[in-house]
PDB file of N, CA and C in Angstrom:
ATOM      1  N   MET A   1       6.883  -4.667 -14.658  1.00  0.00           N
ATOM      2  CA  MET A   1       6.977  -3.395 -13.958  1.00  0.00           C
ATOM      3  C   MET A   1       7.195  -3.732 -12.455  1.00  0.00           C
ATOM      4  N   LYS A   2       8.084  -2.935 -11.836  1.00  0.00           N
ATOM      5  CA  LYS A   2       8.378  -3.107 -10.451  1.00  0.00           C
ATOM      6  C   LYS A   2       7.218  -2.678  -9.587  1.00  0.00           C
ATOM      7  N   VAL A   3       7.056  -3.336  -8.442  1.00  0.00           N
ATOM      8  CA  VAL A   3       6.049  -2.981  -7.461  1.00  0.00           C
ATOM      9  C   VAL A   3       6.349  -1.598  -6.867  1.00  0.00           C
ATOM     10  N   ARG A   4       5.301  -0.832  -6.685  1.00  0.00           N
ATOM     11  CA  ARG A   4       5.396   0.501  -6.060  1.00  0.00           C
ATOM     12  C   ARG A   4       4.370   0.539  -4.946  1.00  0.00           C
ATOM     13  N   PHE A   5       4.740   1.203  -3.837  1.00  0.00           N
ATOM     14  CA  PHE A   5       3.872   1.187  -2.686  1.00  0.00           C
ATOM     15  C   PHE A   5       3.411   2.573  -2.248  1.00  0.00           C
ATOM     16  N   LEU A   6       2.276   2.608  -1.572  1.00  0.00           N
ATOM     17  CA  LEU A   6       1.766   3.830  -0.917  1.00  0.00           C
ATOM     18  C   LEU A   6       1.368   3.424   0.508  1.00  0.00           C
ATOM     19  N   LEU A   7       1.960   4.134   1.501  1.00  0.00           N
ATOM     20  CA  LEU A   7       1.599   3.916   2.900  1.00  0.00           C
ATOM     21  C   LEU A   7       0.406   4.809   3.243  1.00  0.00           C
ATOM     22  N   ASP A   8      -0.575   4.226   3.886  1.00  0.00           N
ATOM     23  CA  ASP A   8      -1.731   4.974   4.354  1.00  0.00           C
ATOM     24  C   ASP A   8      -1.253   6.000   5.388  1.00  0.00           C
ATOM     25  N   GLU A   9      -1.950   7.072   5.531  1.00  0.00           N
ATOM     26  CA  GLU A   9      -1.543   8.150   6.430  1.00  0.00           C
ATOM     27  C   GLU A   9      -1.539   7.765   7.890  1.00  0.00           C
ATOM     28  N   ASN A  10      -2.315   6.742   8.276  1.00  0.00           N
ATOM     29  CA  ASN A  10      -2.376   6.350   9.659  1.00  0.00           C
ATOM     30  C   ASN A  10      -1.201   5.473  10.092  1.00  0.00           C
ATOM     31  N   LEU A  11      -0.339   5.097   9.133  1.00  0.00           N
ATOM     32  CA  LEU A  11       0.843   4.308   9.440  1.00  0.00           C
ATOM     33  C   LEU A  11       2.015   5.213   9.797  1.00  0.00           C
ATOM     34  N   SER A  12       2.859   4.742  10.664  1.00  0.00           N
ATOM     35  CA  SER A  12       3.989   5.519  11.158  1.00  0.00           C
ATOM     36  C   SER A  12       4.953   5.847  10.016  1.00  0.00           C
ATOM     37  N   PRO A  13       5.419   7.089   9.981  1.00  0.00           N
ATOM     38  CA  PRO A  13       6.445   7.471   8.975  1.00  0.00           C
ATOM     39  C   PRO A  13       7.743   6.654   9.194  1.00  0.00           C
ATOM     40  N   ARG A  14       7.921   6.136  10.377  1.00  0.00           N
ATOM     41  CA  ARG A  14       9.115   5.288  10.624  1.00  0.00           C
ATOM     42  C   ARG A  14       9.126   4.046   9.733  1.00  0.00           C
ATOM     43  N   LEU A  15       7.977   3.590   9.326  1.00  0.00           N
ATOM     44  CA  LEU A  15       7.901   2.448   8.436  1.00  0.00           C
ATOM     45  C   LEU A  15       8.595   2.727   7.105  1.00  0.00           C
ATOM     46  N   LYS A  16       8.316   3.893   6.543  1.00  0.00           N
ATOM     47  CA  LYS A  16       8.954   4.285   5.290  1.00  0.00           C
ATOM     48  C   LYS A  16      10.464   4.365   5.457  1.00  0.00           C
ATOM     49  N   LEU A  17      10.923   4.921   6.545  1.00  0.00           N
ATOM     50  CA  LEU A  17      12.369   5.022   6.812  1.00  0.00           C
ATOM     51  C   LEU A  17      12.997   3.626   6.956  1.00  0.00           C
ATOM     52  N   ALA A  18      12.316   2.711   7.632  1.00  0.00           N
ATOM     53  CA  ALA A  18      12.802   1.357   7.790  1.00  0.00           C
ATOM     54  C   ALA A  18      12.935   0.624   6.459  1.00  0.00           C
ATOM     55  N   ILE A  19      11.975   0.841   5.581  1.00  0.00           N
ATOM     56  CA  ILE A  19      12.002   0.239   4.269  1.00  0.00           C
ATOM     57  C   ILE A  19      13.161   0.775   3.447  1.00  0.00           C
ATOM     58  N   PHE A  20      13.370   2.082   3.528  1.00  0.00           N
ATOM     59  CA  PHE A  20      14.493   2.715   2.791  1.00  0.00           C
ATOM     60  C   PHE A  20      15.847   2.225   3.361  1.00  0.00           C
ATOM     61  N   ARG A  21      15.928   1.986   4.672  1.00  0.00           N
ATOM     62  CA  ARG A  21      17.149   1.447   5.236  1.00  0.00           C
ATOM     63  C   ARG A  21      17.410   0.025   4.732  1.00  0.00           C
ATOM     64  N   PHE A  22      16.335  -0.704   4.548  1.00  0.00           N
ATOM     65  CA  PHE A  22      16.432  -2.075   4.018  1.00  0.00           C
ATOM     66  C   PHE A  22      16.847  -2.068   2.553  1.00  0.00           C
ATOM     67  N   ASN A  23      16.230  -1.175   1.786  1.00  0.00           N
ATOM     68  CA  ASN A  23      16.533  -1.091   0.343  1.00  0.00           C
ATOM     69  C   ASN A  23      16.109   0.270  -0.171  1.00  0.00           C
ATOM     70  N   PRO A  24      17.045   1.178  -0.374  1.00  0.00           N
ATOM     71  CA  PRO A  24      16.720   2.541  -0.825  1.00  0.00           C
ATOM     72  C   PRO A  24      16.135   2.629  -2.219  1.00  0.00           C
ATOM     73  N   GLN A  25      16.156   1.518  -2.983  1.00  0.00           N
ATOM     74  CA  GLN A  25      15.638   1.546  -4.323  1.00  0.00           C
ATOM     75  C   GLN A  25      14.117   1.345  -4.385  1.00  0.00           C
ATOM     76  N   ILE A  26      13.522   0.879  -3.329  1.00  0.00           N
ATOM     77  CA  ILE A  26      12.098   0.625  -3.314  1.00  0.00           C
ATOM     78  C   ILE A  26      11.329   1.933  -3.470  1.00  0.00           C
ATOM     79  N   ASP A  27      10.382   1.911  -4.366  1.00  0.00           N
ATOM     80  CA  ASP A  27       9.555   3.098  -4.653  1.00  0.00           C
ATOM     81  C   ASP A  27       8.380   3.050  -3.662  1.00  0.00           C
ATOM     82  N   ILE A  28       8.491   3.864  -2.640  1.00  0.00           N
ATOM     83  CA  ILE A  28       7.436   3.905  -1.635  1.00  0.00           C
ATOM     84  C   ILE A  28       7.165   5.351  -1.238  1.00  0.00           C
ATOM     85  N   LEU A  29       5.897   5.708  -1.255  1.00  0.00           N
ATOM     86  CA  LEU A  29       5.450   7.012  -0.821  1.00  0.00           C
ATOM     87  C   LEU A  29       4.443   6.858   0.288  1.00  0.00           C
ATOM     88  N   ARG A  30       4.159   7.965   0.980  1.00  0.00           N
ATOM     89  CA  ARG A  30       3.174   7.959   2.038  1.00  0.00           C
ATOM     90  C   ARG A  30       2.143   9.046   1.729  1.00  0.00           C
ATOM     91  N   VAL A  31       0.891   8.759   2.027  1.00  0.00           N
ATOM     92  CA  VAL A  31      -0.130   9.783   1.880  1.00  0.00           C
ATOM     93  C   VAL A  31       0.385  11.031   2.615  1.00  0.00           C
ATOM     94  N   GLY A  32       0.256  12.188   1.950  1.00  0.00           N
ATOM     95  CA  GLY A  32       0.746  13.433   2.508  1.00  0.00           C
ATOM     96  C   GLY A  32       2.086  13.842   1.896  1.00  0.00           C
ATOM     97  N   ASP A  33       2.810  12.902   1.246  1.00  0.00           N
ATOM     98  CA  ASP A  33       4.034  13.250   0.555  1.00  0.00           C
ATOM     99  C   ASP A  33       3.704  14.086  -0.672  1.00  0.00           C
ATOM    100  N   SER A  34       4.732  14.748  -1.203  1.00  0.00           N
ATOM    101  CA  SER A  34       4.557  15.488  -2.446  1.00  0.00           C
ATOM    102  C   SER A  34       4.048  14.557  -3.532  1.00  0.00           C
ATOM    103  N   SER A  35       3.130  14.968  -4.338  1.00  0.00           N
ATOM    104  CA  SER A  35       2.534  14.231  -5.435  1.00  0.00           C
ATOM    105  C   SER A  35       1.668  13.047  -5.019  1.00  0.00           C
ATOM    106  N   THR A  36       1.275  12.990  -3.762  1.00  0.00           N
ATOM    107  CA  THR A  36       0.319  11.973  -3.301  1.00  0.00           C
ATOM    108  C   THR A  36      -0.882  12.687  -2.750  1.00  0.00           C
ATOM    109  N   PRO A  37      -1.950  11.947  -2.512  1.00  0.00           N
ATOM    110  CA  PRO A  37      -3.140  12.583  -1.862  1.00  0.00           C
ATOM    111  C   PRO A  37      -2.741  13.174  -0.532  1.00  0.00           C
ATOM    112  N   SER A  38      -3.398  14.265  -0.188  1.00  0.00           N
ATOM    113  CA  SER A  38      -3.114  14.950   1.090  1.00  0.00           C
ATOM    114  C   SER A  38      -3.711  14.190   2.263  1.00  0.00           C
ATOM    115  N   PHE A  39      -3.235  14.517   3.477  1.00  0.00           N
ATOM    116  CA  PHE A  39      -3.816  13.956   4.679  1.00  0.00           C
ATOM    117  C   PHE A  39      -5.306  14.228   4.693  1.00  0.00           C
ATOM    118  N   GLY A  40      -6.113  13.276   5.112  1.00  0.00           N
ATOM    119  CA  GLY A  40      -7.537  13.465   5.198  1.00  0.00           C
ATOM    120  C   GLY A  40      -8.283  13.107   3.923  1.00  0.00           C
ATOM    121  N   THR A  41      -7.568  12.693   2.849  1.00  0.00           N
ATOM    122  CA  THR A  41      -8.241  12.268   1.625  1.00  0.00           C
ATOM    123  C   THR A  41      -9.125  11.059   1.909  1.00  0.00           C
ATOM    124  N   SER A  42     -10.298  11.047   1.330  1.00  0.00           N
ATOM    125  CA  SER A  42     -11.243   9.950   1.577  1.00  0.00           C
ATOM    126  C   SER A  42     -10.725   8.647   0.987  1.00  0.00           C
ATOM    127  N   ASP A  43     -11.182   7.554   1.572  1.00  0.00           N
ATOM    128  CA  ASP A  43     -10.782   6.215   1.082  1.00  0.00           C
ATOM    129  C   ASP A  43     -11.139   6.018  -0.395  1.00  0.00           C
ATOM    130  N   PRO A  44     -12.329   6.426  -0.885  1.00  0.00           N
ATOM    131  CA  PRO A  44     -12.609   6.263  -2.295  1.00  0.00           C
ATOM    132  C   PRO A  44     -11.595   7.010  -3.187  1.00  0.00           C
ATOM    133  N   ASP A  45     -11.218   8.200  -2.780  1.00  0.00           N
ATOM    134  CA  ASP A  45     -10.251   8.954  -3.563  1.00  0.00           C
ATOM    135  C   ASP A  45      -8.845   8.322  -3.504  1.00  0.00           C
ATOM    136  N   ILE A  46      -8.485   7.728  -2.393  1.00  0.00           N
ATOM    137  CA  ILE A  46      -7.218   6.970  -2.273  1.00  0.00           C
ATOM    138  C   ILE A  46      -7.218   5.814  -3.246  1.00  0.00           C
ATOM    139  N   LEU A  47      -8.350   5.123  -3.334  1.00  0.00           N
ATOM    140  CA  LEU A  47      -8.441   3.960  -4.234  1.00  0.00           C
ATOM    141  C   LEU A  47      -8.281   4.401  -5.729  1.00  0.00           C
ATOM    142  N   VAL A  48      -8.872   5.540  -6.077  1.00  0.00           N
ATOM    143  CA  VAL A  48      -8.705   6.057  -7.443  1.00  0.00           C
ATOM    144  C   VAL A  48      -7.258   6.428  -7.684  1.00  0.00           C
ATOM    145  N   TYR A  49      -6.620   7.074  -6.716  1.00  0.00           N
ATOM    146  CA  TYR A  49      -5.179   7.414  -6.827  1.00  0.00           C
ATOM    147  C   TYR A  49      -4.360   6.139  -7.034  1.00  0.00           C
ATOM    148  N   LEU A  50      -4.630   5.086  -6.269  1.00  0.00           N
ATOM    149  CA  LEU A  50      -3.896   3.818  -6.423  1.00  0.00           C
ATOM    150  C   LEU A  50      -4.029   3.284  -7.802  1.00  0.00           C
ATOM    151  N   GLU A  51      -5.236   3.303  -8.327  1.00  0.00           N
ATOM    152  CA  GLU A  51      -5.496   2.794  -9.681  1.00  0.00           C
ATOM    153  C   GLU A  51      -4.701   3.586 -10.712  1.00  0.00           C
ATOM    154  N   GLN A  52      -4.704   4.912 -10.591  1.00  0.00           N
ATOM    155  CA  GLN A  52      -4.012   5.756 -11.559  1.00  0.00           C
ATOM    156  C   GLN A  52      -2.485   5.717 -11.391  1.00  0.00           C
ATOM    157  N   SER A  53      -2.003   5.600 -10.185  1.00  0.00           N
ATOM    158  CA  SER A  53      -0.565   5.656  -9.969  1.00  0.00           C
ATOM    159  C   SER A  53       0.095   4.298  -9.985  1.00  0.00           C
ATOM    160  N   GLN A  54      -0.717   3.252 -10.051  1.00  0.00           N
ATOM    161  CA  GLN A  54      -0.214   1.848 -10.095  1.00  0.00           C
ATOM    162  C   GLN A  54       0.591   1.567  -8.856  1.00  0.00           C
ATOM    163  N   ARG A  55       0.029   1.867  -7.693  1.00  0.00           N
ATOM    164  CA  ARG A  55       0.681   1.602  -6.399  1.00  0.00           C
ATOM    165  C   ARG A  55      -0.156   0.648  -5.580  1.00  0.00           C
ATOM    166  N   ILE A  56       0.520  -0.143  -4.736  1.00  0.00           N
ATOM    167  CA  ILE A  56      -0.103  -1.036  -3.795  1.00  0.00           C
ATOM    168  C   ILE A  56      -0.280  -0.254  -2.486  1.00  0.00           C
ATOM    169  N   LEU A  57      -1.437  -0.318  -1.923  1.00  0.00           N
ATOM    170  CA  LEU A  57      -1.669   0.360  -0.627  1.00  0.00           C
ATOM    171  C   LEU A  57      -1.314  -0.556   0.530  1.00  0.00           C
ATOM    172  N   LEU A  58      -0.582   0.014   1.512  1.00  0.00           N
ATOM    173  CA  LEU A  58      -0.364  -0.657   2.780  1.00  0.00           C
ATOM    174  C   LEU A  58      -1.200   0.096   3.823  1.00  0.00           C
ATOM    175  N   THR A  59      -2.038  -0.653   4.517  1.00  0.00           N
ATOM    176  CA  THR A  59      -2.938  -0.006   5.476  1.00  0.00           C
ATOM    177  C   THR A  59      -3.287  -0.952   6.591  1.00  0.00           C
ATOM    178  N   ASP A  60      -3.739  -0.395   7.684  1.00  0.00           N
ATOM    179  CA  ASP A  60      -4.323  -1.205   8.763  1.00  0.00           C
ATOM    180  C   ASP A  60      -5.773  -0.784   8.979  1.00  0.00           C
ATOM    181  N   ASN A  61      -6.320  -0.059   8.018  1.00  0.00           N
ATOM    182  CA  ASN A  61      -7.708   0.439   8.081  1.00  0.00           C
ATOM    183  C   ASN A  61      -8.665  -0.696   7.666  1.00  0.00           C
ATOM    184  N   ARG A  62      -9.094  -1.452   8.633  1.00  0.00           N
ATOM    185  CA  ARG A  62     -10.060  -2.526   8.361  1.00  0.00           C
ATOM    186  C   ARG A  62     -11.473  -2.075   8.752  1.00  0.00           C
ATOM    187  N   ALA A  63     -11.595  -0.810   9.154  1.00  0.00           N
ATOM    188  CA  ALA A  63     -12.920  -0.308   9.583  1.00  0.00           C
ATOM    189  C   ALA A  63     -13.703   0.164   8.370  1.00  0.00           C
ATOM    190  N   SER A  64     -13.132   1.037   7.576  1.00  0.00           N
ATOM    191  CA  SER A  64     -13.885   1.630   6.446  1.00  0.00           C
ATOM    192  C   SER A  64     -13.417   1.153   5.072  1.00  0.00           C
ATOM    193  N   MET A  65     -12.156   0.783   4.944  1.00  0.00           N
ATOM    194  CA  MET A  65     -11.607   0.444   3.619  1.00  0.00           C
ATOM    195  C   MET A  65     -12.323  -0.731   2.949  1.00  0.00           C
ATOM    196  N   PRO A  66     -12.708  -1.809   3.663  1.00  0.00           N
ATOM    197  CA  PRO A  66     -13.327  -2.932   2.941  1.00  0.00           C
ATOM    198  C   PRO A  66     -14.583  -2.528   2.151  1.00  0.00           C
ATOM    199  N   GLN A  67     -15.453  -1.746   2.741  1.00  0.00           N
ATOM    200  CA  GLN A  67     -16.667  -1.401   2.001  1.00  0.00           C
ATOM    201  C   GLN A  67     -16.365  -0.446   0.863  1.00  0.00           C
ATOM    202  N   HIS A  68     -15.387   0.437   1.023  1.00  0.00           N
ATOM    203  CA  HIS A  68     -15.004   1.342  -0.072  1.00  0.00           C
ATOM    204  C   HIS A  68     -14.375   0.573  -1.220  1.00  0.00           C
ATOM    205  N   LEU A  69     -13.565  -0.421  -0.862  1.00  0.00           N
ATOM    206  CA  LEU A  69     -12.937  -1.273  -1.875  1.00  0.00           C
ATOM    207  C   LEU A  69     -14.000  -2.045  -2.656  1.00  0.00           C
ATOM    208  N   GLU A  70     -14.971  -2.566  -1.928  1.00  0.00           N
ATOM    209  CA  GLU A  70     -16.047  -3.306  -2.616  1.00  0.00           C
ATOM    210  C   GLU A  70     -16.842  -2.391  -3.565  1.00  0.00           C
ATOM    211  N   ALA A  71     -17.109  -1.162  -3.164  1.00  0.00           N
ATOM    212  CA  ALA A  71     -17.799  -0.210  -4.020  1.00  0.00           C
ATOM    213  C   ALA A  71     -16.946   0.148  -5.230  1.00  0.00           C
ATOM    214  N   HIS A  72     -15.638   0.266  -5.020  1.00  0.00           N
ATOM    215  CA  HIS A  72     -14.726   0.561  -6.100  1.00  0.00           C
ATOM    216  C   HIS A  72     -14.785  -0.548  -7.171  1.00  0.00           C
ATOM    217  N   TRP A  73     -14.704  -1.773  -6.725  1.00  0.00           N
ATOM    218  CA  TRP A  73     -14.768  -2.915  -7.617  1.00  0.00           C
ATOM    219  C   TRP A  73     -16.117  -3.027  -8.277  1.00  0.00           C
ATOM    220  N   ASN A  74     -17.174  -2.700  -7.583  1.00  0.00           N
ATOM    221  CA  ASN A  74     -18.540  -2.773  -8.158  1.00  0.00           C
ATOM    222  C   ASN A  74     -18.739  -1.753  -9.292  1.00  0.00           C
ATOM    223  N   CYS A  75     -17.901  -0.740  -9.335  1.00  0.00           N
ATOM    224  CA  CYS A  75     -17.915   0.242 -10.428  1.00  0.00           C
ATOM    225  C   CYS A  75     -16.955  -0.130 -11.565  1.00  0.00           C
ATOM    226  N   ASN A  76     -16.532  -1.414 -11.585  1.00  0.00           N
ATOM    227  CA  ASN A  76     -15.616  -1.911 -12.583  1.00  0.00           C
ATOM    228  C   ASN A  76     -14.290  -1.199 -12.550  1.00  0.00           C
ATOM    229  N   ARG A  77     -13.866  -0.817 -11.377  1.00  0.00           N
ATOM    230  CA  ARG A  77     -12.549  -0.183 -11.194  1.00  0.00           C
ATOM    231  C   ARG A  77     -11.596  -1.268 -10.690  1.00  0.00           C
ATOM    232  N   SER A  78     -10.332  -0.941 -10.642  1.00  0.00           N
ATOM    233  CA  SER A  78      -9.355  -1.899 -10.147  1.00  0.00           C
ATOM    234  C   SER A  78      -8.346  -1.176  -9.254  1.00  0.00           C
ATOM    235  N   ILE A  79      -7.516  -1.963  -8.602  1.00  0.00           N
ATOM    236  CA  ILE A  79      -6.383  -1.429  -7.808  1.00  0.00           C
ATOM    237  C   ILE A  79      -5.181  -2.313  -8.131  1.00  0.00           C
ATOM    238  N   TRP A  80      -4.027  -1.862  -7.726  1.00  0.00           N
ATOM    239  CA  TRP A  80      -2.792  -2.591  -7.972  1.00  0.00           C
ATOM    240  C   TRP A  80      -2.392  -3.390  -6.750  1.00  0.00           C
ATOM    241  N   GLY A  81      -3.355  -3.667  -5.880  1.00  0.00           N
ATOM    242  CA  GLY A  81      -3.102  -4.491  -4.715  1.00  0.00           C
ATOM    243  C   GLY A  81      -3.313  -3.713  -3.445  1.00  0.00           C
ATOM    244  N   LEU A  82      -3.572  -4.448  -2.372  1.00  0.00           N
ATOM    245  CA  LEU A  82      -3.742  -3.858  -1.057  1.00  0.00           C
ATOM    246  C   LEU A  82      -3.194  -4.841  -0.032  1.00  0.00           C
ATOM    247  N   PHE A  83      -2.298  -4.363   0.819  1.00  0.00           N
ATOM    248  CA  PHE A  83      -1.718  -5.182   1.857  1.00  0.00           C
ATOM    249  C   PHE A  83      -2.260  -4.678   3.212  1.00  0.00           C
ATOM    250  N   TRP A  84      -2.900  -5.577   3.915  1.00  0.00           N
ATOM    251  CA  TRP A  84      -3.381  -5.290   5.269  1.00  0.00           C
ATOM    252  C   TRP A  84      -2.190  -5.589   6.210  1.00  0.00           C
ATOM    253  N   LEU A  85      -1.870  -4.700   7.115  1.00  0.00           N
ATOM    254  CA  LEU A  85      -0.812  -4.952   8.063  1.00  0.00           C
ATOM    255  C   LEU A  85      -1.394  -5.688   9.272  1.00  0.00           C
ATOM    256  N   ARG A  86      -0.754  -6.777   9.617  1.00  0.00           N
ATOM    257  CA  ARG A  86      -1.186  -7.546  10.799  1.00  0.00           C
ATOM    258  C   ARG A  86      -0.946  -6.694  12.052  1.00  0.00           C
ATOM    259  N   PRO A  87      -1.921  -6.701  12.972  1.00  0.00           N
ATOM    260  CA  PRO A  87      -1.790  -5.867  14.175  1.00  0.00           C
ATOM    261  C   PRO A  87      -0.545  -6.139  14.996  1.00  0.00           C
ATOM    262  N   GLN A  88      -0.094  -7.353  15.065  1.00  0.00           N
ATOM    263  CA  GLN A  88       1.062  -7.701  15.890  1.00  0.00           C
ATOM    264  C   GLN A  88       2.406  -7.518  15.167  1.00  0.00           C
ATOM    265  N   ALA A  89       2.388  -7.176  13.903  1.00  0.00           N
ATOM    266  CA  ALA A  89       3.620  -7.056  13.100  1.00  0.00           C
ATOM    267  C   ALA A  89       4.483  -5.905  13.596  1.00  0.00           C
ATOM    268  N   ASN A  90       5.791  -6.097  13.558  1.00  0.00           N
ATOM    269  CA  ASN A  90       6.671  -4.999  13.885  1.00  0.00           C
ATOM    270  C   ASN A  90       7.260  -4.418  12.609  1.00  0.00           C
ATOM    271  N   ILE A  91       7.812  -3.269  12.705  1.00  0.00           N
ATOM    272  CA  ILE A  91       8.299  -2.537  11.515  1.00  0.00           C
ATOM    273  C   ILE A  91       9.362  -3.345  10.733  1.00  0.00           C
ATOM    274  N   ARG A  92      10.231  -4.006  11.450  1.00  0.00           N
ATOM    275  CA  ARG A  92      11.243  -4.785  10.770  1.00  0.00           C
ATOM    276  C   ARG A  92      10.662  -5.904   9.925  1.00  0.00           C
ATOM    277  N   GLU A  93       9.670  -6.643  10.476  1.00  0.00           N
ATOM    278  CA  GLU A  93       9.024  -7.706   9.746  1.00  0.00           C
ATOM    279  C   GLU A  93       8.343  -7.189   8.474  1.00  0.00           C
ATOM    280  N   ILE A  94       7.683  -6.070   8.615  1.00  0.00           N
ATOM    281  CA  ILE A  94       6.986  -5.427   7.466  1.00  0.00           C
ATOM    282  C   ILE A  94       8.009  -5.058   6.399  1.00  0.00           C
ATOM    283  N   ALA A  95       9.075  -4.393   6.813  1.00  0.00           N
ATOM    284  CA  ALA A  95      10.104  -3.959   5.866  1.00  0.00           C
ATOM    285  C   ALA A  95      10.749  -5.137   5.147  1.00  0.00           C
ATOM    286  N   GLU A  96      11.013  -6.201   5.878  1.00  0.00           N
ATOM    287  CA  GLU A  96      11.587  -7.418   5.250  1.00  0.00           C
ATOM    288  C   GLU A  96      10.661  -8.004   4.209  1.00  0.00           C
ATOM    289  N   ASP A  97       9.363  -8.111   4.529  1.00  0.00           N
ATOM    290  CA  ASP A  97       8.430  -8.655   3.551  1.00  0.00           C
ATOM    291  C   ASP A  97       8.263  -7.759   2.351  1.00  0.00           C
ATOM    292  N   LEU A  98       8.194  -6.458   2.540  1.00  0.00           N
ATOM    293  CA  LEU A  98       8.064  -5.569   1.390  1.00  0.00           C
ATOM    294  C   LEU A  98       9.288  -5.651   0.511  1.00  0.00           C
ATOM    295  N   ASN A  99      10.456  -5.761   1.097  1.00  0.00           N
ATOM    296  CA  ASN A  99      11.667  -5.910   0.304  1.00  0.00           C
ATOM    297  C   ASN A  99      11.615  -7.207  -0.489  1.00  0.00           C
ATOM    298  N   LEU A 100      11.196  -8.315   0.138  1.00  0.00           N
ATOM    299  CA  LEU A 100      11.049  -9.571  -0.560  1.00  0.00           C
ATOM    300  C   LEU A 100      10.052  -9.473  -1.705  1.00  0.00           C
ATOM    301  N   ILE A 101       8.935  -8.858  -1.477  1.00  0.00           N
ATOM    302  CA  ILE A 101       7.926  -8.676  -2.506  1.00  0.00           C
ATOM    303  C   ILE A 101       8.467  -7.824  -3.658  1.00  0.00           C
ATOM    304  N   TRP A 102       9.176  -6.744  -3.306  1.00  0.00           N
ATOM    305  CA  TRP A 102       9.753  -5.854  -4.322  1.00  0.00           C
ATOM    306  C   TRP A 102      10.813  -6.593  -5.179  1.00  0.00           C
ATOM    307  N   GLU A 103      11.592  -7.451  -4.522  1.00  0.00           N
ATOM    308  CA  GLU A 103      12.654  -8.144  -5.228  1.00  0.00           C
ATOM    309  C   GLU A 103      12.176  -9.322  -6.088  1.00  0.00           C
ATOM    310  N   THR A 104      11.079  -9.948  -5.672  1.00  0.00           N
ATOM    311  CA  THR A 104      10.692 -11.223  -6.305  1.00  0.00           C
ATOM    312  C   THR A 104       9.421 -11.238  -7.100  1.00  0.00           C
ATOM    313  N   THR A 105       8.680 -10.117  -7.088  1.00  0.00           N
ATOM    314  CA  THR A 105       7.422 -10.129  -7.848  1.00  0.00           C
ATOM    315  C   THR A 105       7.339  -8.904  -8.743  1.00  0.00           C
ATOM    316  N   GLU A 106       6.358  -8.932  -9.610  1.00  0.00           N
ATOM    317  CA  GLU A 106       6.082  -7.790 -10.488  1.00  0.00           C
ATOM    318  C   GLU A 106       4.713  -7.216 -10.111  1.00  0.00           C
ATOM    319  N   ALA A 107       4.546  -5.949 -10.395  1.00  0.00           N
ATOM    320  CA  ALA A 107       3.328  -5.239 -10.007  1.00  0.00           C
ATOM    321  C   ALA A 107       2.065  -5.904 -10.547  1.00  0.00           C
ATOM    322  N   GLU A 108       2.106  -6.407 -11.741  1.00  0.00           N
ATOM    323  CA  GLU A 108       0.918  -7.035 -12.352  1.00  0.00           C
ATOM    324  C   GLU A 108       0.420  -8.247 -11.559  1.00  0.00           C
ATOM    325  N   GLU A 109       1.303  -8.900 -10.857  1.00  0.00           N
ATOM    326  CA  GLU A 109       0.897 -10.070 -10.064  1.00  0.00           C
ATOM    327  C   GLU A 109       0.001  -9.697  -8.900  1.00  0.00           C
ATOM    328  N   TRP A 110      -0.003  -8.455  -8.496  1.00  0.00           N
ATOM    329  CA  TRP A 110      -0.782  -8.043  -7.314  1.00  0.00           C
ATOM    330  C   TRP A 110      -2.067  -7.327  -7.675  1.00  0.00           C
ATOM    331  N   LYS A 111      -2.344  -7.155  -8.998  1.00  0.00           N
ATOM    332  CA  LYS A 111      -3.523  -6.418  -9.421  1.00  0.00           C
ATOM    333  C   LYS A 111      -4.769  -7.015  -8.827  1.00  0.00           C
ATOM    334  N   ASN A 112      -5.548  -6.203  -8.114  1.00  0.00           N
ATOM    335  CA  ASN A 112      -6.814  -6.569  -7.460  1.00  0.00           C
ATOM    336  C   ASN A 112      -6.645  -7.681  -6.406  1.00  0.00           C
ATOM    337  N   GLN A 113      -5.425  -7.848  -5.906  1.00  0.00           N
ATOM    338  CA  GLN A 113      -5.172  -8.849  -4.864  1.00  0.00           C
ATOM    339  C   GLN A 113      -5.141  -8.202  -3.499  1.00  0.00           C
ATOM    340  N   LEU A 114      -5.567  -8.950  -2.497  1.00  0.00           N
ATOM    341  CA  LEU A 114      -5.457  -8.527  -1.102  1.00  0.00           C
ATOM    342  C   LEU A 114      -4.557  -9.523  -0.422  1.00  0.00           C
ATOM    343  N   ALA A 115      -3.686  -9.017   0.459  1.00  0.00           N
ATOM    344  CA  ALA A 115      -2.763  -9.916   1.205  1.00  0.00           C
ATOM    345  C   ALA A 115      -2.506  -9.307   2.583  1.00  0.00           C
ATOM    346  N   TRP A 116      -2.048 -10.184   3.440  1.00  0.00           N
ATOM    347  CA  TRP A 116      -1.672  -9.798   4.813  1.00  0.00           C
ATOM    348  C   TRP A 116      -0.154  -9.699   4.901  1.00  0.00           C
ATOM    349  N   ILE A 117       0.309  -8.664   5.553  1.00  0.00           N
ATOM    350  CA  ILE A 117       1.764  -8.458   5.799  1.00  0.00           C
ATOM    351  C   ILE A 117       1.968  -8.436   7.312  1.00  0.00           C
ATOM    352  N   PRO A 118       2.947  -9.139   7.855  1.00  0.00           N
ATOM    353  CA  PRO A 118       3.830 -10.062   7.205  1.00  0.00           C
ATOM    354  C   PRO A 118       3.068 -11.249   6.589  1.00  0.00           C
ATOM    355  N   LEU A 119       3.693 -11.767   5.548  1.00  0.00           N
ATOM    356  CA  LEU A 119       3.081 -12.859   4.808  1.00  0.00           C
ATOM    357  C   LEU A 119       2.847 -14.067   5.665  1.00  0.00           C
TER     358      LEU A 119
END
């Protein structure tokens, strides 16, 4: 199965556009888009959505997400991956790495994995 992504609401919508410019076939949504959690959805609910929708989360939320993720795993739940965005990364670097990940890996490889982007 191909990798599918969800951008956290605190990330710029320009990132989604940059990724589509790189490769319009990449399946990427942003919190607040149609059929995704609405803006302001709690981290625990985002994690449940990720599990159900089989999407990898891209976020820079290192304040609250780690403890919510730990609680999620402690309830024997899973996620399809989580990518932390490096603070110094620019949009082009992120888009390049996501394109590479989309082209060269399968979704199952990222299950319950955490990674930093750019790689």
